[in-house]
């Protein structure tokens, strides 16, 4: 099961910074190693609540965590990144435990027993990082028209970064949908101490289309058809992504019937296949008819049609 820093600290996602700090105080006291001698479960929980606090007490890291979720966040941040900038000093002084709580628990030079990895907890206590630090990631929201999402395209975006304005160019893959994130590697903030530069994440929102309705990679569209065509059969012109196509309607077709056009939908991002297009036939009722048409319809009505 995926872990959740909010659940670890027993706080709501909307909790304030003060509430998160208070929750960490409570959890750290509860699982402190001096109160739980030789208790491996408490030791592990102390490590977890400290990691959770290091993230949720930092505004930028918390925003990243909320946006991308636990697993994606942990893939993008090293343990050193997570604890960089976290200051436990004041909290543990409030406990009357001094500044050496991590040193006594994990080892003075950071040889953690199965928990946080090998780095200097003295630096963490002072809010410093001892190793290379990955640069800042940036997240940009982008709203695109349906047809751009359907057919793909290229974009160039500008955003405000450390040191001023910055721009990135990227491709929009055909078939992208709302909620997908595009990663532009190495275009974020500069790394520190030899660390890699950060990334830029583009979060996509696709506008609805007045013609096509989407269901994954499948599309649906309505096509007006004459009543006579439904009875006698014939050709109907329908809209597809790149233009129009003529389909055949069999004699005696019910209005509302869906006709499938295989492979006329959107690209599937997970494969080279395409979705399908489903055409719903809708009877086209003319607003005005001639006297001759009225007479013909009247005759049909007499025959129960």
C-alpha atoms as a PDB file:
ATOM      1  CA  UNK A   1       0.000   0.000   0.000  1.00  0.00           C
ATOM      2  CA  UNK A   2       1.251   3.478  -0.878  1.00  0.00           C
ATOM      3  CA  UNK A   3       2.279   5.523   2.133  1.00  0.00           C
ATOM      4  CA  UNK A   4       0.894   8.977   2.817  1.00  0.00           C
ATOM      5  CA  UNK A   5       2.789  11.627   4.777  1.00  0.00           C
ATOM      6  CA  UNK A   6      -0.472  13.173   5.973  1.00  0.00           C
ATOM      7  CA  UNK A   7      -1.659   9.864   7.400  1.00  0.00           C
ATOM      8  CA  UNK A   8       1.734   9.240   8.992  1.00  0.00           C
ATOM      9  CA  UNK A   9       1.454  12.541  10.870  1.00  0.00           C
ATOM     10  CA  UNK A  10      -2.296  12.030  11.399  1.00  0.00           C
ATOM     11  CA  UNK A  11      -3.275  15.390   9.871  1.00  0.00           C
ATOM     12  CA  UNK A  12      -5.713  16.482   7.170  1.00  0.00           C
ATOM     13  CA  UNK A  13      -4.479  17.609   3.766  1.00  0.00           C
ATOM     14  CA  UNK A  14      -5.719  21.099   4.489  1.00  0.00           C
ATOM     15  CA  UNK A  15      -3.824  21.389   7.785  1.00  0.00           C
ATOM     16  CA  UNK A  16      -1.859  24.560   8.434  1.00  0.00           C
ATOM     17  CA  UNK A  17       1.900  24.683   8.974  1.00  0.00           C
ATOM     18  CA  UNK A  18       1.318  25.172  12.700  1.00  0.00           C
ATOM     19  CA  UNK A  19      -0.952  22.114  12.863  1.00  0.00           C
ATOM     20  CA  UNK A  20       1.628  20.000  11.038  1.00  0.00           C
ATOM     21  CA  UNK A  21       4.367  21.134  13.418  1.00  0.00           C
ATOM     22  CA  UNK A  22       2.161  20.351  16.415  1.00  0.00           C
ATOM     23  CA  UNK A  23       1.380  16.889  15.013  1.00  0.00           C
ATOM     24  CA  UNK A  24       5.072  16.191  14.498  1.00  0.00           C
ATOM     25  CA  UNK A  25       5.880  17.204  18.063  1.00  0.00           C
ATOM     26  CA  UNK A  26       3.258  14.746  19.298  1.00  0.00           C
ATOM     27  CA  UNK A  27       4.430  11.882  17.064  1.00  0.00           C
ATOM     28  CA  UNK A  28       8.126  12.463  17.686  1.00  0.00           C
ATOM     29  CA  UNK A  29       7.582  12.372  21.463  1.00  0.00           C
ATOM     30  CA  UNK A  30       5.550   9.200  21.122  1.00  0.00           C
ATOM     31  CA  UNK A  31       8.144   7.315  19.047  1.00  0.00           C
ATOM     32  CA  UNK A  32      11.317   8.884  20.430  1.00  0.00           C
ATOM     33  CA  UNK A  33      13.997   6.170  20.837  1.00  0.00           C
ATOM     34  CA  UNK A  34      14.762   7.129  24.426  1.00  0.00           C
ATOM     35  CA  UNK A  35      11.174   6.278  25.339  1.00  0.00           C
ATOM     36  CA  UNK A  36      11.115   3.077  23.296  1.00  0.00           C
ATOM     37  CA  UNK A  37      14.362   1.251  23.984  1.00  0.00           C
ATOM     38  CA  UNK A  38      15.127  -1.540  21.508  1.00  0.00           C
ATOM     39  CA  UNK A  39      11.700  -1.131  19.876  1.00  0.00           C
ATOM     40  CA  UNK A  40      12.300  -1.506  16.148  1.00  0.00           C
ATOM     41  CA  UNK A  41       8.717  -0.584  15.251  1.00  0.00           C
ATOM     42  CA  UNK A  42       8.961   2.708  17.138  1.00  0.00           C
ATOM     43  CA  UNK A  43      12.353   3.350  15.606  1.00  0.00           C
ATOM     44  CA  UNK A  44      10.902   2.918  12.126  1.00  0.00           C
ATOM     45  CA  UNK A  45       7.950   5.167  12.920  1.00  0.00           C
ATOM     46  CA  UNK A  46      10.262   7.868  14.263  1.00  0.00           C
ATOM     47  CA  UNK A  47      12.081   7.832  10.937  1.00  0.00           C
ATOM     48  CA  UNK A  48       8.819   7.992   8.997  1.00  0.00           C
ATOM     49  CA  UNK A  49       7.284  10.878  10.948  1.00  0.00           C
ATOM     50  CA  UNK A  50      10.537  12.831  10.642  1.00  0.00           C
ATOM     51  CA  UNK A  51      10.575  12.307   6.880  1.00  0.00           C
ATOM     52  CA  UNK A  52       6.906  13.284   6.634  1.00  0.00           C
ATOM     53  CA  UNK A  53       7.547  16.477   8.609  1.00  0.00           C
ATOM     54  CA  UNK A  54      10.589  17.351   6.492  1.00  0.00           C
ATOM     55  CA  UNK A  55       8.342  17.367   3.402  1.00  0.00           C
ATOM     56  CA  UNK A  56       5.097  18.820   4.735  1.00  0.00           C
ATOM     57  CA  UNK A  57       6.809  21.616   6.650  1.00  0.00           C
ATOM     58  CA  UNK A  58       8.393  22.887   3.439  1.00  0.00           C
ATOM     59  CA  UNK A  59       5.958  24.850   1.249  1.00  0.00           C
ATOM     60  CA  UNK A  60       7.494  23.966  -2.110  1.00  0.00           C
ATOM     61  CA  UNK A  61       8.001  20.279  -1.316  1.00  0.00           C
ATOM     62  CA  UNK A  62       4.482  20.044   0.060  1.00  0.00           C
ATOM     63  CA  UNK A  63       3.083  21.541  -3.160  1.00  0.00           C
ATOM     64  CA  UNK A  64       5.069  19.009  -5.189  1.00  0.00           C
ATOM     65  CA  UNK A  65       3.913  16.174  -2.946  1.00  0.00           C
ATOM     66  CA  UNK A  66       0.265  17.221  -3.244  1.00  0.00           C
ATOM     67  CA  UNK A  67       0.517  17.581  -7.002  1.00  0.00           C
ATOM     68  CA  UNK A  68       2.334  14.368  -7.881  1.00  0.00           C
ATOM     69  CA  UNK A  69       1.497  11.987  -5.042  1.00  0.00           C
ATOM     70  CA  UNK A  70       3.703   9.922  -2.757  1.00  0.00           C
ATOM     71  CA  UNK A  71       5.264   7.447  -5.203  1.00  0.00           C
ATOM     72  CA  UNK A  72       6.120  10.000  -7.895  1.00  0.00           C
ATOM     73  CA  UNK A  73       7.497  12.397  -5.268  1.00  0.00           C
ATOM     74  CA  UNK A  74       9.795   9.733  -3.796  1.00  0.00           C
ATOM     75  CA  UNK A  75      11.056   8.838  -7.268  1.00  0.00           C
ATOM     76  CA  UNK A  76      12.005  12.429  -7.964  1.00  0.00           C
ATOM     77  CA  UNK A  77      13.566  13.332  -4.595  1.00  0.00           C
ATOM     78  CA  UNK A  78      16.513  11.649  -2.937  1.00  0.00           C
ATOM     79  CA  UNK A  79      16.546  11.276   0.826  1.00  0.00           C
ATOM     80  CA  UNK A  80      19.080  14.072   0.969  1.00  0.00           C
ATOM     81  CA  UNK A  81      16.753  16.304  -1.073  1.00  0.00           C
ATOM     82  CA  UNK A  82      13.867  15.562   1.278  1.00  0.00           C
ATOM     83  CA  UNK A  83      15.753  16.608   4.412  1.00  0.00           C
ATOM     84  CA  UNK A  84      17.508  19.543   2.803  1.00  0.00           C
ATOM     85  CA  UNK A  85      16.328  22.736   4.489  1.00  0.00           C
ATOM     86  CA  UNK A  86      14.404  20.936   7.237  1.00  0.00           C
ATOM     87  CA  UNK A  87      15.145  22.374  10.668  1.00  0.00           C
ATOM     88  CA  UNK A  88      14.380  20.089  13.618  1.00  0.00           C
ATOM     89  CA  UNK A  89      16.582  22.054  15.974  1.00  0.00           C
ATOM     90  CA  UNK A  90      13.934  24.293  17.536  1.00  0.00           C
ATOM     91  CA  UNK A  91      11.460  21.458  17.994  1.00  0.00           C
ATOM     92  CA  UNK A  92      13.857  19.224  19.881  1.00  0.00           C
ATOM     93  CA  UNK A  93      15.056  22.068  22.022  1.00  0.00           C
ATOM     94  CA  UNK A  94      11.409  22.442  23.055  1.00  0.00           C
ATOM     95  CA  UNK A  95      11.564  18.800  24.133  1.00  0.00           C
ATOM     96  CA  UNK A  96      14.612  19.580  26.263  1.00  0.00           C
ATOM     97  CA  UNK A  97      16.504  16.997  24.223  1.00  0.00           C
ATOM     98  CA  UNK A  98      19.181  19.279  22.828  1.00  0.00           C
ATOM     99  CA  UNK A  99      20.448  19.288  19.251  1.00  0.00           C
ATOM    100  CA  UNK A 100      21.858  15.779  19.146  1.00  0.00           C
ATOM    101  CA  UNK A 101      18.719  13.675  18.866  1.00  0.00           C
ATOM    102  CA  UNK A 102      19.497  12.486  15.357  1.00  0.00           C
ATOM    103  CA  UNK A 103      23.146  12.063  16.142  1.00  0.00           C
ATOM    104  CA  UNK A 104      22.380   9.806  19.115  1.00  0.00           C
ATOM    105  CA  UNK A 105      19.753   7.850  17.231  1.00  0.00           C
ATOM    106  CA  UNK A 106      21.300   7.448  13.778  1.00  0.00           C
ATOM    107  CA  UNK A 107      24.970   7.932  14.398  1.00  0.00           C
ATOM    108  CA  UNK A 108      26.932  11.180  14.489  1.00  0.00           C
ATOM    109  CA  UNK A 109      28.014  11.083  10.862  1.00  0.00           C
ATOM    110  CA  UNK A 110      24.766   9.843   9.471  1.00  0.00           C
ATOM    111  CA  UNK A 111      25.161   6.098   9.398  1.00  0.00           C
ATOM    112  CA  UNK A 112      21.431   5.485   9.688  1.00  0.00           C
ATOM    113  CA  UNK A 113      20.317   2.039  10.740  1.00  0.00           C
ATOM    114  CA  UNK A 114      18.190   1.066   7.765  1.00  0.00           C
ATOM    115  CA  UNK A 115      16.358   4.349   7.503  1.00  0.00           C
ATOM    116  CA  UNK A 116      17.390   7.618   5.929  1.00  0.00           C
ATOM    117  CA  UNK A 117      20.560   6.680   4.070  1.00  0.00           C
ATOM    118  CA  UNK A 118      24.143   7.792   4.605  1.00  0.00           C
ATOM    119  CA  UNK A 119      24.377  11.547   5.105  1.00  0.00           C
ATOM    120  CA  UNK A 120      25.240  13.948   7.872  1.00  0.00           C
ATOM    121  CA  UNK A 121      22.452  14.538  10.379  1.00  0.00           C
ATOM    122  CA  UNK A 122      24.397  17.394  11.908  1.00  0.00           C
ATOM    123  CA  UNK A 123      23.820  19.216   8.630  1.00  0.00           C
ATOM    124  CA  UNK A 124      20.121  18.309   8.682  1.00  0.00           C
ATOM    125  CA  UNK A 125      19.785  19.729  12.175  1.00  0.00           C
ATOM    126  CA  UNK A 126      21.096  23.026  10.830  1.00  0.00           C
ATOM    127  CA  UNK A 127      18.983  22.872   7.679  1.00  0.00           C
ATOM    128  CA  UNK A 128      21.927  22.139   5.379  1.00  0.00           C
ATOM    129  CA  UNK A 129      22.627  19.498   2.773  1.00  0.00           C
ATOM    130  CA  UNK A 130      25.923  17.662   2.638  1.00  0.00           C
ATOM    131  CA  UNK A 131      25.760  16.291  -0.892  1.00  0.00           C
ATOM    132  CA  UNK A 132      24.699  17.180  -4.437  1.00  0.00           C
ATOM    133  CA  UNK A 133      21.216  18.646  -4.632  1.00  0.00           C
ATOM    134  CA  UNK A 134      18.864  18.327  -7.560  1.00  0.00           C
ATOM    135  CA  UNK A 135      17.583  21.637  -8.905  1.00  0.00           C
ATOM    136  CA  UNK A 136      14.072  22.905  -8.378  1.00  0.00           C
ATOM    137  CA  UNK A 137      11.260  21.391 -10.436  1.00  0.00           C
ATOM    138  CA  UNK A 138       8.627  23.628 -11.982  1.00  0.00           C
ATOM    139  CA  UNK A 139       5.007  22.788 -12.723  1.00  0.00           C
ATOM    140  CA  UNK A 140       3.031  24.578 -15.421  1.00  0.00           C
ATOM    141  CA  UNK A 141      -0.663  24.127 -16.210  1.00  0.00           C
ATOM    142  CA  UNK A 142      -1.558  24.174 -19.902  1.00  0.00           C
ATOM    143  CA  UNK A 143      -5.052  24.305 -21.396  1.00  0.00           C
ATOM    144  CA  UNK A 144      -5.170  23.061 -24.994  1.00  0.00           C
ATOM    145  CA  UNK A 145      -7.937  22.726 -27.628  1.00  0.00           C
ATOM    146  CA  UNK A 146      -9.359  19.278 -28.265  1.00  0.00           C
ATOM    147  CA  UNK A 147      -8.008  19.057 -31.823  1.00  0.00           C
ATOM    148  CA  UNK A 148      -4.472  19.842 -30.638  1.00  0.00           C
ATOM    149  CA  UNK A 149      -4.759  17.043 -28.104  1.00  0.00           C
ATOM    150  CA  UNK A 150      -6.164  14.722 -30.766  1.00  0.00           C
ATOM    151  CA  UNK A 151      -3.615  15.383 -33.501  1.00  0.00           C
ATOM    152  CA  UNK A 152      -0.610  16.482 -31.431  1.00  0.00           C
ATOM    153  CA  UNK A 153       1.563  19.533 -31.917  1.00  0.00           C
ATOM    154  CA  UNK A 154       4.470  21.590 -30.681  1.00  0.00           C
ATOM    155  CA  UNK A 155       4.478  24.307 -28.034  1.00  0.00           C
ATOM    156  CA  UNK A 156       6.838  26.838 -26.535  1.00  0.00           C
ATOM    157  CA  UNK A 157       6.084  28.169 -23.074  1.00  0.00           C
ATOM    158  CA  UNK A 158       7.674  30.864 -20.969  1.00  0.00           C
ATOM    159  CA  UNK A 159       7.645  30.893 -17.188  1.00  0.00           C
ATOM    160  CA  UNK A 160       9.315  32.680 -14.302  1.00  0.00           C
ATOM    161  CA  UNK A 161      12.223  30.710 -12.862  1.00  0.00           C
ATOM    162  CA  UNK A 162      15.142  31.322 -10.543  1.00  0.00           C
ATOM    163  CA  UNK A 163      17.139  34.122 -12.083  1.00  0.00           C
ATOM    164  CA  UNK A 164      14.380  35.378 -14.394  1.00  0.00           C
ATOM    165  CA  UNK A 165      12.255  34.307 -17.341  1.00  0.00           C
ATOM    166  CA  UNK A 166      12.818  30.967 -19.009  1.00  0.00           C
ATOM    167  CA  UNK A 167      11.212  29.182 -21.958  1.00  0.00           C
ATOM    168  CA  UNK A 168      10.856  25.535 -22.922  1.00  0.00           C
ATOM    169  CA  UNK A 169       9.852  23.873 -26.181  1.00  0.00           C
ATOM    170  CA  UNK A 170       8.145  20.500 -26.233  1.00  0.00           C
ATOM    171  CA  UNK A 171       5.912  18.220 -28.272  1.00  0.00           C
ATOM    172  CA  UNK A 172       2.339  17.328 -27.400  1.00  0.00           C
ATOM    173  CA  UNK A 173       1.800  13.654 -28.240  1.00  0.00           C
ATOM    174  CA  UNK A 174      -1.374  12.811 -30.195  1.00  0.00           C
ATOM    175  CA  UNK A 175      -4.097  11.405 -27.949  1.00  0.00           C
ATOM    176  CA  UNK A 176      -3.056  13.139 -24.724  1.00  0.00           C
ATOM    177  CA  UNK A 177      -5.855  13.635 -22.200  1.00  0.00           C
ATOM    178  CA  UNK A 178      -6.682  15.815 -19.234  1.00  0.00           C
ATOM    179  CA  UNK A 179      -4.564  15.107 -16.159  1.00  0.00           C
ATOM    180  CA  UNK A 180      -1.528  13.814 -18.030  1.00  0.00           C
ATOM    181  CA  UNK A 181       1.837  15.387 -17.199  1.00  0.00           C
ATOM    182  CA  UNK A 182       4.646  15.942 -19.668  1.00  0.00           C
ATOM    183  CA  UNK A 183       8.132  15.888 -18.191  1.00  0.00           C
ATOM    184  CA  UNK A 184      10.791  18.099 -19.759  1.00  0.00           C
ATOM    185  CA  UNK A 185      13.955  16.739 -18.219  1.00  0.00           C
ATOM    186  CA  UNK A 186      16.736  19.031 -17.095  1.00  0.00           C
ATOM    187  CA  UNK A 187      14.953  22.299 -17.894  1.00  0.00           C
ATOM    188  CA  UNK A 188      14.148  23.301 -14.309  1.00  0.00           C
ATOM    189  CA  UNK A 189      16.283  25.101 -11.764  1.00  0.00           C
ATOM    190  CA  UNK A 190      20.042  24.567 -11.591  1.00  0.00           C
ATOM    191  CA  UNK A 191      21.402  21.920  -9.253  1.00  0.00           C
ATOM    192  CA  UNK A 192      23.715  22.658  -6.337  1.00  0.00           C
ATOM    193  CA  UNK A 193      27.008  21.049  -5.388  1.00  0.00           C
ATOM    194  CA  UNK A 194      27.141  19.121  -8.649  1.00  0.00           C
ATOM    195  CA  UNK A 195      23.497  18.040  -8.522  1.00  0.00           C
ATOM    196  CA  UNK A 196      21.401  17.540 -11.637  1.00  0.00           C
ATOM    197  CA  UNK A 197      19.139  20.357 -12.844  1.00  0.00           C
ATOM    198  CA  UNK A 198      15.465  20.100 -12.059  1.00  0.00           C
ATOM    199  CA  UNK A 199      12.691  19.241 -14.487  1.00  0.00           C
ATOM    200  CA  UNK A 200       9.652  21.038 -15.859  1.00  0.00           C
ATOM    201  CA  UNK A 201       6.288  19.304 -15.631  1.00  0.00           C
ATOM    202  CA  UNK A 202       3.452  20.374 -17.936  1.00  0.00           C
ATOM    203  CA  UNK A 203       0.022  19.401 -16.610  1.00  0.00           C
ATOM    204  CA  UNK A 204      -2.478  19.143 -19.449  1.00  0.00           C
ATOM    205  CA  UNK A 205      -6.147  20.121 -19.485  1.00  0.00           C
ATOM    206  CA  UNK A 206      -8.011  19.379 -22.719  1.00  0.00           C
ATOM    207  CA  UNK A 207     -10.947  21.557 -23.695  1.00  0.00           C
ATOM    208  CA  UNK A 208     -14.212  19.877 -24.625  1.00  0.00           C
ATOM    209  CA  UNK A 209     -15.145  19.762 -28.301  1.00  0.00           C
ATOM    210  CA  UNK A 210     -18.603  20.731 -29.615  1.00  0.00           C
ATOM    211  CA  UNK A 211     -18.598  17.858 -32.118  1.00  0.00           C
ATOM    212  CA  UNK A 212     -16.654  14.939 -30.672  1.00  0.00           C
ATOM    213  CA  UNK A 213     -17.216  13.318 -27.277  1.00  0.00           C
ATOM    214  CA  UNK A 214     -14.327  11.413 -25.789  1.00  0.00           C
ATOM    215  CA  UNK A 215     -14.110   8.165 -23.840  1.00  0.00           C
ATOM    216  CA  UNK A 216     -10.453   7.308 -23.453  1.00  0.00           C
ATOM    217  CA  UNK A 217      -9.154   6.785 -26.983  1.00  0.00           C
ATOM    218  CA  UNK A 218     -12.659   6.229 -28.397  1.00  0.00           C
ATOM    219  CA  UNK A 219     -14.760   9.026 -29.841  1.00  0.00           C
ATOM    220  CA  UNK A 220     -18.443   9.443 -30.497  1.00  0.00           C
ATOM    221  CA  UNK A 221     -20.159  11.803 -32.915  1.00  0.00           C
ATOM    222  CA  UNK A 222     -23.702  12.406 -34.089  1.00  0.00           C
ATOM    223  CA  UNK A 223     -24.609  12.303 -37.782  1.00  0.00           C
ATOM    224  CA  UNK A 224     -27.910  13.692 -39.097  1.00  0.00           C
ATOM    225  CA  UNK A 225     -29.628  11.294 -41.481  1.00  0.00           C
ATOM    226  CA  UNK A 226     -32.800  11.533 -43.546  1.00  0.00           C
ATOM    227  CA  UNK A 227     -35.740   9.418 -42.491  1.00  0.00           C
ATOM    228  CA  UNK A 228     -35.905   8.002 -46.003  1.00  0.00           C
ATOM    229  CA  UNK A 229     -32.278   6.877 -45.742  1.00  0.00           C
ATOM    230  CA  UNK A 230     -33.037   4.968 -42.550  1.00  0.00           C
ATOM    231  CA  UNK A 231     -35.865   3.176 -44.319  1.00  0.00           C
ATOM    232  CA  UNK A 232     -34.319   2.582 -47.731  1.00  0.00           C
ATOM    233  CA  UNK A 233     -30.633   2.637 -46.854  1.00  0.00           C
ATOM    234  CA  UNK A 234     -27.982   4.831 -48.397  1.00  0.00           C
ATOM    235  CA  UNK A 235     -24.894   6.934 -47.787  1.00  0.00           C
ATOM    236  CA  UNK A 236     -24.275   9.325 -44.899  1.00  0.00           C
ATOM    237  CA  UNK A 237     -21.355  11.761 -44.544  1.00  0.00           C
ATOM    238  CA  UNK A 238     -19.870  11.918 -41.035  1.00  0.00           C
ATOM    239  CA  UNK A 239     -17.180  14.030 -39.379  1.00  0.00           C
ATOM    240  CA  UNK A 240     -13.885  12.351 -38.495  1.00  0.00           C
ATOM    241  CA  UNK A 241     -10.766  13.874 -36.934  1.00  0.00           C
ATOM    242  CA  UNK A 242      -9.055  14.769 -40.185  1.00  0.00           C
ATOM    243  CA  UNK A 243     -12.086  15.563 -42.327  1.00  0.00           C
ATOM    244  CA  UNK A 244     -15.147  13.635 -43.449  1.00  0.00           C
ATOM    245  CA  UNK A 245     -15.983  10.064 -44.370  1.00  0.00           C
ATOM    246  CA  UNK A 246     -18.918   8.442 -46.125  1.00  0.00           C
ATOM    247  CA  UNK A 247     -20.520   5.438 -44.466  1.00  0.00           C
ATOM    248  CA  UNK A 248     -23.276   3.136 -45.639  1.00  0.00           C
ATOM    249  CA  UNK A 249     -26.547   2.851 -43.729  1.00  0.00           C
ATOM    250  CA  UNK A 250     -28.401  -0.426 -44.141  1.00  0.00           C
ATOM    251  CA  UNK A 251     -32.116  -0.403 -45.033  1.00  0.00           C
ATOM    252  CA  UNK A 252     -34.385  -0.452 -41.982  1.00  0.00           C
ATOM    253  CA  UNK A 253     -31.821   1.051 -39.609  1.00  0.00           C
ATOM    254  CA  UNK A 254     -33.232   2.330 -36.304  1.00  0.00           C
ATOM    255  CA  UNK A 255     -32.582   5.969 -35.403  1.00  0.00           C
ATOM    256  CA  UNK A 256     -29.997   6.184 -32.633  1.00  0.00           C
ATOM    257  CA  UNK A 257     -28.105   3.141 -33.801  1.00  0.00           C
ATOM    258  CA  UNK A 258     -24.332   3.421 -33.390  1.00  0.00           C
ATOM    259  CA  UNK A 259     -22.059   2.544 -36.264  1.00  0.00           C
ATOM    260  CA  UNK A 260     -18.434   1.777 -35.405  1.00  0.00           C
ATOM    261  CA  UNK A 261     -15.576   3.049 -37.558  1.00  0.00           C
ATOM    262  CA  UNK A 262     -12.578   1.045 -36.411  1.00  0.00           C
ATOM    263  CA  UNK A 263      -9.339   2.946 -35.900  1.00  0.00           C
ATOM    264  CA  UNK A 264     -10.874   6.401 -36.459  1.00  0.00           C
ATOM    265  CA  UNK A 265     -10.487   7.435 -32.824  1.00  0.00           C
ATOM    266  CA  UNK A 266      -7.519   8.843 -30.923  1.00  0.00           C
ATOM    267  CA  UNK A 267      -4.001   7.501 -30.554  1.00  0.00           C
ATOM    268  CA  UNK A 268      -3.507   5.311 -27.503  1.00  0.00           C
ATOM    269  CA  UNK A 269      -0.514   6.665 -25.609  1.00  0.00           C
ATOM    270  CA  UNK A 270       0.350   3.214 -24.276  1.00  0.00           C
ATOM    271  CA  UNK A 271       0.514   1.579 -27.717  1.00  0.00           C
ATOM    272  CA  UNK A 272       0.596   2.281 -31.450  1.00  0.00           C
ATOM    273  CA  UNK A 273      -3.083   1.448 -31.804  1.00  0.00           C
ATOM    274  CA  UNK A 274      -5.930   3.881 -32.257  1.00  0.00           C
ATOM    275  CA  UNK A 275      -9.347   3.986 -30.669  1.00  0.00           C
ATOM    276  CA  UNK A 276     -12.603   3.759 -32.585  1.00  0.00           C
ATOM    277  CA  UNK A 277     -15.206   6.301 -33.666  1.00  0.00           C
ATOM    278  CA  UNK A 278     -18.860   5.572 -32.894  1.00  0.00           C
ATOM    279  CA  UNK A 279     -21.414   7.349 -35.081  1.00  0.00           C
ATOM    280  CA  UNK A 280     -24.896   7.858 -33.618  1.00  0.00           C
ATOM    281  CA  UNK A 281     -27.534   8.314 -36.304  1.00  0.00           C
ATOM    282  CA  UNK A 282     -29.950  11.130 -35.603  1.00  0.00           C
ATOM    283  CA  UNK A 283     -33.042  11.757 -37.704  1.00  0.00           C
ATOM    284  CA  UNK A 284     -32.812  15.132 -39.383  1.00  0.00           C
ATOM    285  CA  UNK A 285     -36.223  16.816 -39.160  1.00  0.00           C
ATOM    286  CA  UNK A 286     -36.568  19.752 -41.582  1.00  0.00           C
ATOM    287  CA  UNK A 287     -37.973  22.944 -40.106  1.00  0.00           C
ATOM    288  CA  UNK A 288     -39.962  23.631 -43.264  1.00  0.00           C
ATOM    289  CA  UNK A 289     -41.308  21.253 -45.900  1.00  0.00           C
ATOM    290  CA  UNK A 290     -42.925  21.802 -49.261  1.00  0.00           C
ATOM    291  CA  UNK A 291     -46.522  20.929 -50.059  1.00  0.00           C
ATOM    292  CA  UNK A 292     -45.340  17.908 -52.024  1.00  0.00           C
ATOM    293  CA  UNK A 293     -43.233  16.677 -49.096  1.00  0.00           C
ATOM    294  CA  UNK A 294     -46.139  17.182 -46.707  1.00  0.00           C
ATOM    295  CA  UNK A 295     -48.392  15.141 -48.987  1.00  0.00           C
ATOM    296  CA  UNK A 296     -45.843  12.338 -49.207  1.00  0.00           C
ATOM    297  CA  UNK A 297     -45.402  12.229 -45.412  1.00  0.00           C
ATOM    298  CA  UNK A 298     -49.147  12.191 -44.948  1.00  0.00           C
ATOM    299  CA  UNK A 299     -49.416   9.185 -47.252  1.00  0.00           C
ATOM    300  CA  UNK A 300     -46.672   7.390 -45.310  1.00  0.00           C
ATOM    301  CA  UNK A 301     -48.523   8.070 -42.062  1.00  0.00           C
ATOM    302  CA  UNK A 302     -51.639   6.437 -43.522  1.00  0.00           C
ATOM    303  CA  UNK A 303     -49.564   3.320 -44.149  1.00  0.00           C
ATOM    304  CA  UNK A 304     -48.370   3.302 -40.513  1.00  0.00           C
ATOM    305  CA  UNK A 305     -44.893   4.674 -41.202  1.00  0.00           C
END
